[in-house]
Protein backbone atom coordinates (compact mmCIF):
# COMPACT_ATOMS: atom_id res chain seq x y z
CA UNK A 1 -0.20 -47.21 -1.05
CA UNK A 2 -0.28 -49.48 2.01
CA UNK A 3 -3.95 -50.24 1.45
CA UNK A 4 -3.29 -51.60 -2.04
CA UNK A 5 0.01 -53.40 -1.48
CA UNK A 6 -0.21 -54.90 2.00
CA UNK A 7 -2.71 -57.77 2.21
CA UNK A 8 -5.02 -58.16 5.17
CA UNK A 9 -3.62 -60.73 7.55
CA UNK A 10 -5.95 -63.53 8.69
CA UNK A 11 -7.18 -62.93 12.21
CA UNK A 12 -6.24 -66.46 13.16
CA UNK A 13 -2.94 -67.01 11.35
CA UNK A 14 -2.49 -70.39 12.92
CA UNK A 15 -5.35 -71.69 10.76
CA UNK A 16 -3.54 -70.81 7.53
CA UNK A 17 -2.19 -73.64 5.37
CA UNK A 18 1.43 -73.84 4.30
CA UNK A 19 0.67 -72.46 0.81
CA UNK A 20 -1.12 -69.44 2.32
CA UNK A 21 1.79 -68.87 4.70
CA UNK A 22 4.32 -69.13 1.85
CA UNK A 23 2.34 -66.77 -0.39
CA UNK A 24 1.96 -64.26 2.46
CA UNK A 25 5.69 -64.25 3.18
CA UNK A 26 6.72 -63.86 -0.47
CA UNK A 27 4.16 -61.11 -1.09
CA UNK A 28 5.09 -59.09 1.98
CA UNK A 29 8.77 -59.58 1.17
CA UNK A 30 8.27 -57.92 -2.22
CA UNK A 31 6.26 -55.14 -0.56
CA UNK A 32 9.10 -54.47 1.88
CA UNK A 33 11.68 -54.39 -0.91
CA UNK A 34 9.60 -52.03 -3.07
CA UNK A 35 9.06 -49.81 -0.02
CA UNK A 36 12.79 -49.86 0.70
CA UNK A 37 13.54 -48.68 -2.86
CA UNK A 38 10.98 -45.89 -2.46
CA UNK A 39 12.48 -44.86 0.87
CA UNK A 40 15.86 -44.66 -0.83
CA UNK A 41 14.56 -42.16 -3.37
CA UNK A 42 13.32 -39.89 -0.56
CA UNK A 43 16.63 -40.10 1.28
CA UNK A 44 18.60 -39.39 -1.88
CA UNK A 45 16.46 -36.31 -2.49
CA UNK A 46 17.07 -35.12 1.09
CA UNK A 47 20.80 -35.57 0.64
CA UNK A 48 20.76 -33.83 -2.72
CA UNK A 49 18.88 -30.77 -1.50
CA UNK A 50 20.89 -30.57 1.69
CA UNK A 51 19.71 -31.94 5.03
CA UNK A 52 21.12 -28.89 6.83
CA UNK A 53 18.98 -26.46 4.83
CA UNK A 54 15.90 -28.68 5.09
CA UNK A 55 16.04 -29.89 8.67
CA UNK A 56 19.11 -28.40 10.29
CA UNK A 57 21.15 -31.62 10.28
CA UNK A 58 24.66 -31.92 8.87
CA UNK A 59 23.77 -34.90 6.69
CA UNK A 60 20.83 -36.97 5.57
CA UNK A 61 22.19 -39.95 7.53
CA UNK A 62 22.22 -37.95 10.79
CA UNK A 63 18.66 -36.83 10.21
CA UNK A 64 17.48 -40.32 9.20
CA UNK A 65 19.12 -41.87 12.24
CA UNK A 66 16.95 -39.70 14.50
CA UNK A 67 13.80 -40.23 12.42
CA UNK A 68 14.19 -44.01 12.31
CA UNK A 69 15.68 -44.25 15.81
CA UNK A 70 18.63 -46.33 14.63
CA UNK A 71 22.37 -45.95 14.90
CA UNK A 72 24.16 -43.49 12.64
CA UNK A 73 26.19 -46.31 11.11
CA UNK A 74 23.08 -48.22 10.03
CA UNK A 75 21.50 -45.01 8.75
CA UNK A 76 24.62 -44.20 6.78
CA UNK A 77 24.46 -47.62 5.09
CA UNK A 78 20.87 -46.98 4.01
CA UNK A 79 21.74 -43.52 2.64
CA UNK A 80 24.83 -44.76 0.81
CA UNK A 81 22.76 -47.48 -0.81
CA UNK A 82 20.13 -44.93 -1.79
CA UNK A 83 22.65 -42.56 -3.35
CA UNK A 84 24.20 -45.36 -5.41
CA UNK A 85 20.77 -46.22 -6.88
CA UNK A 86 19.63 -42.66 -7.49
CA UNK A 87 20.74 -40.06 -10.10
CA UNK A 88 23.65 -37.84 -9.13
CA UNK A 89 22.93 -34.26 -10.20
CA UNK A 90 25.19 -32.97 -12.98
CA UNK A 91 25.49 -29.51 -14.50
CA UNK A 92 23.22 -29.20 -17.49
CA UNK A 93 21.70 -32.68 -17.18
CA UNK A 94 19.45 -34.95 -15.15
CA UNK A 95 22.33 -36.88 -13.63
CA UNK A 96 23.67 -40.41 -13.81
CA UNK A 97 23.06 -43.46 -11.65
CA UNK A 98 26.01 -45.37 -10.26
CA UNK A 99 24.22 -48.75 -10.66
CA UNK A 100 21.27 -48.27 -13.05
CA UNK A 101 20.46 -51.97 -13.69
CA UNK A 102 20.55 -52.67 -9.96
CA UNK A 103 18.30 -49.65 -9.30
CA UNK A 104 15.74 -50.94 -11.78
CA UNK A 105 15.69 -54.40 -10.20
CA UNK A 106 15.39 -52.84 -6.75
CA UNK A 107 12.36 -50.79 -7.81
CA UNK A 108 10.67 -54.02 -8.93
CA UNK A 109 11.12 -55.47 -5.45
CA UNK A 110 13.41 -58.22 -6.77
CA UNK A 111 16.49 -57.44 -4.67
CA UNK A 112 17.28 -57.57 -0.98
CA UNK A 113 19.77 -55.21 0.65
CA UNK A 114 22.37 -57.97 0.64
CA UNK A 115 21.99 -58.38 -3.14
CA UNK A 116 22.44 -54.64 -3.66
CA UNK A 117 25.48 -54.38 -1.36
CA UNK A 118 27.22 -57.24 -3.13
CA UNK A 119 26.74 -55.66 -6.56
CA UNK A 120 27.79 -52.21 -5.33
CA UNK A 121 30.90 -53.68 -3.73
CA UNK A 122 31.70 -55.41 -7.02
CA UNK A 123 31.31 -52.16 -8.99
CA UNK A 124 33.58 -50.27 -6.59
CA UNK A 125 36.34 -52.86 -7.08
CA UNK A 126 36.35 -52.51 -10.88
CA UNK A 127 39.50 -50.64 -11.98
CA UNK A 128 38.92 -47.10 -13.24
CA UNK A 129 40.49 -47.85 -16.62
CA UNK A 130 37.80 -50.41 -17.52
CA UNK A 131 35.58 -49.05 -20.32
CA UNK A 132 32.15 -47.85 -19.27
CA UNK A 133 30.25 -50.23 -21.57
CA UNK A 134 32.09 -53.23 -20.08
CA UNK A 135 31.39 -52.01 -16.54
CA UNK A 136 27.70 -51.49 -17.30
CA UNK A 137 27.47 -54.86 -19.00
CA UNK A 138 28.97 -56.63 -16.00
CA UNK A 139 26.59 -54.81 -13.67
CA UNK A 140 23.58 -55.83 -15.77
CA UNK A 141 24.70 -59.46 -15.67
CA UNK A 142 24.80 -59.41 -11.86
CA UNK A 143 21.56 -57.44 -11.54
CA UNK A 144 19.69 -59.91 -13.80
CA UNK A 145 21.21 -62.83 -11.94
CA UNK A 146 20.19 -61.35 -8.57
CA UNK A 147 16.53 -61.39 -9.62
CA UNK A 148 16.54 -65.20 -9.36
CA UNK A 149 19.67 -66.11 -7.42
CA UNK A 150 21.12 -65.75 -3.95
CA UNK A 151 24.20 -64.06 -2.48
CA UNK A 152 26.49 -67.03 -3.09
CA UNK A 153 25.79 -67.11 -6.80
CA UNK A 154 26.19 -63.37 -7.06
CA UNK A 155 29.55 -63.55 -5.27
CA UNK A 156 30.76 -66.37 -7.53
CA UNK A 157 29.63 -64.58 -10.68
CA UNK A 158 31.13 -61.29 -9.49
CA UNK A 159 34.47 -62.93 -8.81
CA UNK A 160 34.49 -64.43 -12.33
CA UNK A 161 33.59 -61.09 -13.90
CA UNK A 162 36.20 -59.22 -11.85
CA UNK A 163 38.84 -61.74 -12.84
CA UNK A 164 37.96 -61.08 -16.48
CA UNK A 165 38.05 -57.29 -16.03
CA UNK A 166 41.11 -57.19 -13.78
CA UNK A 167 43.36 -60.25 -13.74
CA UNK A 168 45.80 -58.80 -11.16
CA UNK A 169 45.81 -60.43 -7.71
CA UNK A 170 47.68 -60.51 -4.45
CA UNK A 171 50.25 -63.15 -3.67
CA UNK A 172 49.76 -64.95 -0.34
CA UNK A 173 52.52 -64.87 2.28
CA UNK A 174 53.36 -68.12 4.00
CA UNK A 175 54.20 -67.90 7.73
CA UNK A 176 57.42 -69.28 9.03
CA UNK A 177 56.82 -72.76 10.47
CA UNK A 178 57.68 -73.57 14.08
CA UNK A 179 59.07 -76.90 15.22
CA UNK A 180 56.16 -79.34 15.07
CA UNK A 181 54.50 -80.66 18.21
CA UNK A 182 51.33 -82.59 17.68
CA UNK A 183 49.21 -84.69 20.03
CA UNK A 184 45.71 -86.02 19.35
CA UNK A 185 43.56 -88.03 21.76
CA UNK A 186 40.48 -89.93 20.57
CA UNK A 187 38.30 -91.51 23.23
CA UNK A 188 35.00 -93.31 22.79
CA UNK A 189 32.40 -92.48 25.44
CA UNK A 190 29.86 -94.86 26.92
CA UNK A 191 27.02 -93.20 24.97
CA UNK A 192 28.73 -94.07 21.68
CA UNK A 193 30.00 -90.55 20.96
CA UNK A 194 33.72 -89.85 20.58
CA UNK A 195 35.67 -87.18 22.42
CA UNK A 196 38.48 -85.48 20.49
CA UNK A 197 41.23 -83.41 22.10
CA UNK A 198 44.85 -82.62 21.46
CA UNK A 199 47.65 -80.09 21.02
CA UNK A 200 48.99 -78.78 17.69
CA UNK A 201 52.04 -76.68 16.82
CA UNK A 202 51.32 -73.19 15.43
CA UNK A 203 51.70 -74.18 11.77
CA UNK A 204 49.55 -77.30 11.98
CA UNK A 205 47.01 -75.49 14.18
CA UNK A 206 46.71 -72.66 11.65
CA UNK A 207 46.31 -75.11 8.78
CA UNK A 208 43.71 -77.08 10.72
CA UNK A 209 41.74 -73.95 11.62
CA UNK A 210 41.92 -72.72 8.01
CA UNK A 211 40.76 -76.11 6.67
CA UNK A 212 37.88 -76.28 9.15
CA UNK A 213 36.81 -72.65 8.56
CA UNK A 214 36.90 -73.20 4.81
CA UNK A 215 34.33 -75.98 5.17
CA UNK A 216 32.40 -74.47 8.09
CA UNK A 217 30.62 -71.61 6.35
CA UNK A 218 26.89 -71.21 6.85
CA UNK A 219 24.74 -72.71 4.14
CA UNK A 220 22.95 -70.20 1.88
CA UNK A 221 19.56 -69.19 3.21
CA UNK A 222 18.21 -66.74 0.67
CA UNK A 223 17.45 -69.09 -2.21
CA UNK A 224 14.92 -71.36 -0.51
CA UNK A 225 14.45 -69.85 2.92
CA UNK A 226 16.20 -72.65 4.82
CA UNK A 227 18.08 -71.06 7.67
CA UNK A 228 21.32 -72.55 9.03
CA UNK A 229 21.03 -72.50 12.83
CA UNK A 230 24.21 -74.50 13.54
CA UNK A 231 26.64 -72.95 16.03
CA UNK A 232 30.27 -72.43 15.10
CA UNK A 233 31.42 -75.59 16.99
CA UNK A 234 28.69 -77.60 15.25
CA UNK A 235 29.71 -76.25 11.84
CA UNK A 236 33.35 -77.08 12.56
CA UNK A 237 32.31 -80.59 13.57
CA UNK A 238 30.52 -81.02 10.25
CA UNK A 239 33.60 -79.57 8.51
CA UNK A 240 35.77 -82.19 10.19
CA UNK A 241 33.44 -84.91 8.84
CA UNK A 242 33.79 -83.42 5.32
CA UNK A 243 37.58 -83.47 5.64
CA UNK A 244 37.52 -87.10 6.77
CA UNK A 245 35.39 -87.94 3.72
CA UNK A 246 37.98 -86.32 1.50
CA UNK A 247 40.82 -88.24 3.16
CA UNK A 248 38.97 -91.56 2.94
CA UNK A 249 38.15 -90.94 -0.72
CA UNK A 250 41.87 -90.56 -1.56
CA UNK A 251 43.08 -93.53 -3.65
CA UNK A 252 46.31 -93.66 -1.63
CA UNK A 253 44.51 -93.84 1.71
CA UNK A 254 45.62 -96.99 3.58
CA UNK A 255 42.81 -99.45 4.27
CA UNK A 256 40.11 -97.77 2.19
CA UNK A 257 41.77 -97.42 -1.24
CA UNK A 258 39.52 -94.51 -2.07
CA UNK A 259 36.25 -96.11 -1.04
CA UNK A 260 34.02 -93.37 0.37
CA UNK A 261 32.10 -95.60 2.76
CA UNK A 262 32.24 -99.25 3.83
CA UNK A 263 28.93 -100.37 5.34
CA UNK A 264 28.18 -103.72 6.99
CA UNK A 265 24.39 -103.96 6.80
CA UNK A 266 22.81 -106.15 9.49
CA UNK A 267 19.20 -105.62 8.46
CA UNK A 268 17.03 -107.23 5.85
CA UNK A 269 16.30 -105.86 2.41
CA UNK A 270 12.75 -104.85 3.43
CA UNK A 271 14.04 -102.66 6.22
CA UNK A 272 16.56 -101.09 3.89
CA UNK A 273 13.83 -100.32 1.35
CA UNK A 274 11.40 -98.80 3.85
CA UNK A 275 13.95 -97.00 6.00
CA UNK A 276 12.42 -98.52 9.14
CA UNK A 277 14.75 -100.48 11.36
CA UNK A 278 18.38 -100.42 12.48
CA UNK A 279 21.78 -101.19 11.03
CA UNK A 280 25.22 -101.79 12.43
CA UNK A 281 27.97 -99.61 10.95
CA UNK A 282 31.25 -101.49 10.75
CA UNK A 283 30.37 -103.28 13.99
CA UNK A 284 31.12 -100.19 16.10
CA UNK A 285 27.70 -98.64 16.56
CA UNK A 286 24.04 -98.66 15.56
CA UNK A 287 22.48 -96.38 12.96
CA UNK A 288 18.96 -96.12 11.60
CA UNK A 289 17.92 -97.91 8.44
CA UNK A 290 17.27 -94.48 6.92
CA UNK A 291 20.91 -93.54 7.52
CA UNK A 292 22.04 -96.81 6.01
CA UNK A 293 19.87 -96.17 2.96
CA UNK A 294 21.48 -92.74 2.50
CA UNK A 295 25.02 -94.13 2.90
CA UNK A 296 24.31 -96.93 0.47
CA UNK A 297 24.00 -94.40 -2.40
CA UNK A 298 27.77 -94.09 -2.71
CA UNK A 299 29.65 -96.84 -0.90
CA UNK A 300 30.89 -100.37 -0.80
CA UNK A 301 28.14 -102.56 0.59
CA UNK A 302 28.75 -105.79 2.49
CA UNK A 303 25.41 -107.40 3.33
CA UNK A 304 25.42 -109.45 6.54
CA UNK A 305 22.56 -111.94 6.92
CA UNK A 306 21.69 -112.82 10.49
CA UNK A 307 19.64 -115.60 11.93
CA UNK A 308 16.77 -114.94 14.32
CA UNK A 309 19.22 -115.46 17.19
CA UNK A 310 21.67 -112.96 15.72
CA UNK A 311 24.12 -115.56 14.44
CA UNK A 312 25.89 -114.49 11.19
CA UNK A 313 24.80 -116.96 8.53
CA UNK A 314 26.35 -115.34 5.43
CA UNK A 315 28.61 -112.44 4.70
CA UNK A 316 28.26 -111.28 1.12
CA UNK A 317 31.00 -110.16 -1.19
CA UNK A 318 31.94 -106.54 -1.53
CA UNK A 319 30.25 -104.80 -4.47
CA UNK A 320 31.16 -101.40 -5.86
CA UNK A 321 28.06 -99.48 -6.93
CA UNK A 322 29.61 -96.51 -8.71
CA UNK A 323 32.68 -97.28 -10.82
CA UNK A 324 35.64 -94.89 -11.04
CA UNK A 325 34.74 -94.21 -14.68
CA UNK A 326 31.16 -93.31 -13.75
CA UNK A 327 32.40 -91.08 -10.97
CA UNK A 328 34.66 -89.20 -13.37
CA UNK A 329 31.76 -88.77 -15.80
CA UNK A 330 29.53 -87.47 -12.99
CA UNK A 331 32.22 -84.97 -11.96
CA UNK A 332 32.41 -83.65 -15.53
CA UNK A 333 28.65 -83.55 -16.10
CA UNK A 334 27.51 -82.03 -12.78
CA UNK A 335 30.65 -80.10 -11.87
CA UNK A 336 29.84 -80.42 -8.19
CA UNK A 337 26.68 -80.65 -6.11
CA UNK A 338 23.83 -80.46 -8.64
CA UNK A 339 21.32 -78.98 -6.15
CA UNK A 340 20.30 -75.42 -7.16
CA UNK A 341 22.66 -72.71 -5.84
CA UNK A 342 25.00 -75.15 -4.08
CA UNK A 343 28.69 -74.41 -4.66
CA UNK A 344 30.23 -77.59 -3.25
CA UNK A 345 32.90 -79.15 -5.47
CA UNK A 346 32.83 -82.78 -6.70
CA UNK A 347 35.28 -83.94 -4.07
CA UNK A 348 32.70 -83.03 -1.38
CA UNK A 349 29.83 -84.90 -3.07
CA UNK A 350 28.19 -88.32 -2.97
CA UNK A 351 26.77 -90.17 -5.95
CA UNK A 352 23.05 -90.34 -5.30
CA UNK A 353 20.74 -92.83 -7.03
CA UNK A 354 17.68 -90.94 -8.30
CA UNK A 355 15.78 -94.20 -8.12
CA UNK A 356 17.37 -95.96 -5.18
CA UNK A 357 19.23 -99.16 -5.98
CA UNK A 358 17.26 -100.98 -3.25
CA UNK A 359 14.11 -100.08 -5.21
CA UNK A 360 15.55 -101.50 -8.44
CA UNK A 361 17.23 -98.34 -9.70
CA UNK A 362 20.14 -98.98 -12.10
CA UNK A 363 23.65 -97.69 -11.51
CA UNK A 364 24.13 -95.69 -14.68
CA UNK A 365 24.61 -91.98 -15.43
CA UNK A 366 20.88 -91.44 -16.18
CA UNK A 367 20.10 -92.51 -12.63
CA UNK A 368 22.99 -90.80 -10.79
CA UNK A 369 23.52 -87.25 -9.57
CA UNK A 370 26.19 -85.61 -7.41
CA UNK A 371 24.95 -84.22 -4.09
CA UNK A 372 26.82 -82.77 -1.10
CA UNK A 373 26.12 -84.34 2.28
CA UNK A 374 23.59 -81.65 3.29
CA UNK A 375 21.54 -81.76 0.08
CA UNK A 376 21.90 -85.55 -0.10
CA UNK A 377 20.18 -85.75 3.29
CA UNK A 378 17.61 -83.13 2.18
CA UNK A 379 16.62 -85.21 -0.87
CA UNK A 380 16.19 -88.31 1.32
CA UNK A 381 14.12 -86.54 3.99
CA UNK A 382 12.28 -83.56 2.42
CA UNK A 383 9.67 -82.97 -0.29
CA UNK A 384 12.26 -82.01 -2.91
CA UNK A 385 12.37 -84.27 -5.96
CA UNK A 386 15.25 -84.85 -8.35
CA UNK A 387 14.83 -86.10 -11.93
CA UNK A 388 16.81 -86.30 -15.14
CA UNK A 389 15.76 -83.78 -17.80
CA UNK A 390 15.51 -84.78 -21.48
CA UNK A 391 18.88 -83.15 -22.18
CA UNK A 392 20.58 -85.43 -19.64
CA UNK A 393 21.06 -82.77 -16.95
CA UNK A 394 19.59 -83.33 -13.44
CA UNK A 395 16.92 -80.89 -12.34
CA UNK A 396 15.17 -80.44 -9.00
CA UNK A 397 11.42 -79.91 -8.35
CA UNK A 398 10.82 -77.79 -5.24
CA UNK A 399 8.07 -78.54 -2.70
CA UNK A 400 4.67 -77.00 -3.38
CA UNK A 401 4.94 -74.73 -0.35
CA UNK A 402 8.09 -73.16 -1.87
CA UNK A 403 6.85 -72.93 -5.44
CA UNK A 404 3.15 -73.61 -6.07
CA UNK A 405 3.87 -74.22 -9.78
CA UNK A 406 6.76 -76.57 -8.92
CA UNK A 407 8.97 -75.20 -11.70
CA UNK A 408 12.11 -77.34 -12.01
CA UNK A 409 15.39 -75.70 -11.06
CA UNK A 410 19.00 -76.34 -11.93
CA UNK A 411 22.38 -75.43 -10.49
CA UNK A 412 23.99 -72.81 -12.77
CA UNK A 413 27.11 -72.30 -10.64
CA UNK A 414 29.05 -75.21 -12.15
CA UNK A 415 28.32 -74.71 -15.82
CA UNK A 416 28.47 -71.98 -18.48
CA UNK A 417 24.95 -70.98 -19.45
């Protein structure tokens, strides 16, 4: 089987192009998943016949741990997964499978272990009084979704299905607040960075940690193979930036009145179009023209024209690019970040011009799309393309190294399909 399934690797892999590398990874990934499903059938058979009678071990997991030279805990996970996807012997019959739709998808090499574990965990949380046909229908929905989606989408869909099957939930318990004591120190360093330190009372500290952790999760990596290598402090730093964006966007926020960004541009229009050059952000620090171009998608822009000597000659009037009515319409249409598989809500998103306004793009709904900060930056810097489909819904064209056919993709998390 290995001779027919596993392709011969080039002797000099460094000569391979990006399409050859991508095809090799996807093909071998399917081979591994098919092999994993086949391994599960063997382990289920060993467990069914009795590992003690066959090999003298008390369980299949103990035997497999020695054979694979792994810990018993890891071996037990593999065996449990195999048993859930294999028929359980019954008197007078061939047996039933705990997750038949998931087992079929796993045999096709369409599911990773994480997909399978999420679906199995969902099935085990379904109340016993739920009818079998409803349970099987819910499992098939998740198994079909897992063939083309990642863990985040499966988790979201599973939560929605479980809420439909079992509406009961647990009520949170609020801790008793302690007398507040809060101190925050903000100091700008010589290199332009800012140092933040302080002391918070238990209640405020818990709320701050919860807010940061809620926004500091790792970005999904399964859908497009983009790993998130940020450390926990880095992710919390990005989370703090997201929370500041939310606070600034609040209509009652003093000084900003809900404006997401206020940019003083001290470069010419040509630099802004090409992304080559520098800009001054609110007269407190320098940023690249590329960063200014990204920020200009959803902001208030004040152009500052300078003479050759740096003397301000003209300060333009403030212009709002996305009106409140347009923003509400975007929130309703996109439901959040429109990038495929992204779960970020509208309040965490920027309004991105599909054709940039500096390039003559209009500020209307057919040229606007909601993007979170990460995917907004990805669209500006990577080979992904965004366009408006004929039905008025934004769709994204992946790079050729990710999908040679460049089939357009949509975010299905925010809408009912």
